[in-house]
C-alpha atoms as a PDB file:
ATOM      1  CA  MET A   1      -6.851 -36.502 -12.913  1.00  0.00           C
ATOM      2  CA  VAL A   2      -5.675 -35.859 -16.411  1.00  0.00           C
ATOM      3  CA  VAL A   3      -7.997 -36.178 -19.425  1.00  0.00           C
ATOM      4  CA  GLN A   4      -6.265 -36.696 -22.765  1.00  0.00           C
ATOM      5  CA  ARG A   5      -7.474 -37.491 -26.256  1.00  0.00           C
ATOM      6  CA  PHE A   6      -5.409 -39.787 -28.459  1.00  0.00           C
ATOM      7  CA  GLY A   7      -7.155 -39.960 -31.818  1.00  0.00           C
ATOM      8  CA  ASP A   8     -10.326 -42.000 -31.276  1.00  0.00           C
ATOM      9  CA  VAL A   9      -9.633 -42.651 -27.573  1.00  0.00           C
ATOM     10  CA  VAL A  10     -10.155 -40.486 -24.483  1.00  0.00           C
ATOM     11  CA  GLN A  11      -8.031 -41.434 -21.478  1.00  0.00           C
ATOM     12  CA  TRP A  12      -8.514 -40.563 -17.827  1.00  0.00           C
ATOM     13  CA  SER A  13      -5.309 -41.066 -15.810  1.00  0.00           C
ATOM     14  CA  ASP A  14      -2.987 -39.698 -13.122  1.00  0.00           C
ATOM     15  CA  TRP A  15      -5.598 -39.483 -10.370  1.00  0.00           C
ATOM     16  CA  GLN A  16      -4.739 -37.443  -7.294  1.00  0.00           C
ATOM     17  CA  VAL A  17      -5.930 -39.227  -4.181  1.00  0.00           C
ATOM     18  CA  PRO A  18      -5.413 -38.671  -0.452  1.00  0.00           C
ATOM     19  CA  LYS A  19      -2.233 -40.083   1.058  1.00  0.00           C
ATOM     20  CA  GLY A  20      -2.598 -43.786   1.739  1.00  0.00           C
ATOM     21  CA  GLU A  21      -5.417 -44.215  -0.796  1.00  0.00           C
ATOM     22  CA  VAL A  22      -5.058 -46.248  -3.974  1.00  0.00           C
ATOM     23  CA  ALA A  23      -5.556 -44.383  -7.239  1.00  0.00           C
ATOM     24  CA  PRO A  24      -8.033 -45.839  -9.737  1.00  0.00           C
ATOM     25  CA  PRO A  25      -6.620 -47.371 -12.905  1.00  0.00           C
ATOM     26  CA  GLU A  26      -6.580 -45.541 -16.220  1.00  0.00           C
ATOM     27  CA  PHE A  27      -9.918 -45.452 -17.995  1.00  0.00           C
ATOM     28  CA  HIS A  28     -10.285 -45.407 -21.774  1.00  0.00           C
ATOM     29  CA  PHE A  29     -13.380 -44.354 -23.721  1.00  0.00           C
ATOM     30  CA  GLU A  30     -14.286 -44.295 -27.415  1.00  0.00           C
ATOM     31  CA  ALA A  31     -14.007 -40.593 -28.290  1.00  0.00           C
ATOM     32  CA  GLY A  32     -17.253 -40.370 -30.275  1.00  0.00           C
ATOM     33  CA  ALA A  33     -19.300 -41.853 -27.432  1.00  0.00           C
ATOM     34  CA  TYR A  34     -17.483 -39.622 -24.924  1.00  0.00           C
ATOM     35  CA  ASP A  35     -18.266 -36.501 -26.976  1.00  0.00           C
ATOM     36  CA  ALA A  36     -21.916 -37.548 -27.302  1.00  0.00           C
ATOM     37  CA  GLU A  37     -22.220 -37.987 -23.538  1.00  0.00           C
ATOM     38  CA  LEU A  38     -20.629 -34.589 -22.866  1.00  0.00           C
ATOM     39  CA  ALA A  39     -23.118 -33.003 -25.275  1.00  0.00           C
ATOM     40  CA  ARG A  40     -26.015 -34.832 -23.616  1.00  0.00           C
ATOM     41  CA  VAL A  41     -25.149 -33.768 -20.071  1.00  0.00           C
ATOM     42  CA  GLY A  42     -24.341 -30.239 -21.231  1.00  0.00           C
ATOM     43  CA  ALA A  43     -27.851 -29.918 -22.663  1.00  0.00           C
ATOM     44  CA  ASP A  44     -29.573 -31.517 -19.648  1.00  0.00           C
ATOM     45  CA  ARG A  45     -30.399 -28.644 -17.320  1.00  0.00           C
ATOM     46  CA  TRP A  46     -32.807 -30.482 -14.968  1.00  0.00           C
ATOM     47  CA  TRP A  47     -30.953 -29.036 -11.973  1.00  0.00           C
ATOM     48  CA  SER A  48     -31.056 -25.428 -13.204  1.00  0.00           C
ATOM     49  CA  VAL A  49     -33.277 -22.967 -11.349  1.00  0.00           C
ATOM     50  CA  PRO A  50     -35.337 -20.814 -13.763  1.00  0.00           C
ATOM     51  CA  GLY A  51     -34.592 -17.115 -14.039  1.00  0.00           C
END
């Protein structure tokens, strides 16, 4: 898929799917909320193995 930012909007589009499958529609997100979620998951290391 392609992720693009257009001002205050983040767009996911152009999904690559297996032959015969239907691609999802475009998704649009408010850029501030998208950035906040990326920061949240980037800081959440619950899965990380210590040392």
